[in-house]
Amino acid sequence: MTGVGGGFIMTPLLMMIGVPSAAAVGTDNTQIAGTASSGALAHWRLGNVDVKLGLTILAGSFIGGTIGVQIVSVLRSLGNFDFWVRITYVVVLGTVGSLMLRESVQTWITSFRSRTIASLVAEGYEELRGKVHEVSAPPVALPVGRLTAHWPLQMEFKRAKIRASALFPFGLGLAVGILAAIMGVGGGFIMVPTMIYILGVPTHVAVGTDLFQMVFTAANLGFQQAVFNRNVDVVLAVLLLVGAAVGAQVGARLGQRLAGHQLRTFLGTIVLIVMVKMLLDIVLPPGSLIGIATGGGGGH
């Protein structure tokens, strides 16, 4: 529904039920490939996928994912992988969720004011007609997006209705690939807001394009996590995949019925809830010293 693989929810949930952090990350990377496949297919049929933009992002995410898998290997050998996973979640989710929710709340307020003014105009207050806001328009891209207009390798992305340097989506994919490997996510909660707010891609196209590139990014990460870090539980991944594949079909259709600002509000709220839970896990005293020793998914 929101264009994310669900890893930022699934990985913390797996950790909460006792799955070691490293196994939660590797297994979730694997099942996200299947989840994204189902969602991407649904959005492909709806015409929401910009293949050219997706492949540009994918080129960077493959390299970033390879780097991220090696970082996971190093952190596990040091024995503090669990701590860094939680810290990364708090910082990244807190930043992204706050920005998304702030913009969404502003859009809701604007929408409410516009409906109020429109009703007054309908009642005869014609002097207010010029103040009615067009709230259904996509969010305006941030200045960063305009700066990339001067970068080399400019490309036209017709489905996304933008023109931008290929270096930006490539670099975005590189960064997301690294974070996806460390956090066990598909990176959609970063990719979708970036495409919307920086590149100016329409919300539904951002969702579909992100799911398209996520299929291959997650498959690459799952393979590398299994081969190099041996932290993929295949049975658990299959069980997660069966439920997620069905849910993705339902979510894609539900997403079509919601406005862009409604999707962003929903995603931003969930992101912040998960961030708060991870923060509490860090600052609150653990239940037992045994929990510290066995829950790290890393050193002994």
Foldseek 3Di string as FASTA:
>chain_A
DQQWLCLLPQLVVCLVVPQANLLSLLALLQLSLLLLVLLLVLLVVVLQAQVVLLVLLLLQLLQLLVVQLVVLVVCQQVLQLQVVLLVLLLVVLVVLLVVLQVVLVVLVVLVVVLVVLVVVVVVPPVVSVVVRDDSLDADEADVLLVVQVPPPQWDQRVSQRFIGHSVVSSVVSNVQSNNSLSNSILSLSPQQVCCCHHGNGANSSSSNHSSVSSSVSSNSNSVSCCPPVVSYDVVVSVVVNVVSSVVSNVVSVVVVVDGNSVSSNVSSVVSVVSSVVSVCVVPPDDPDPVCVVSRNSHDD
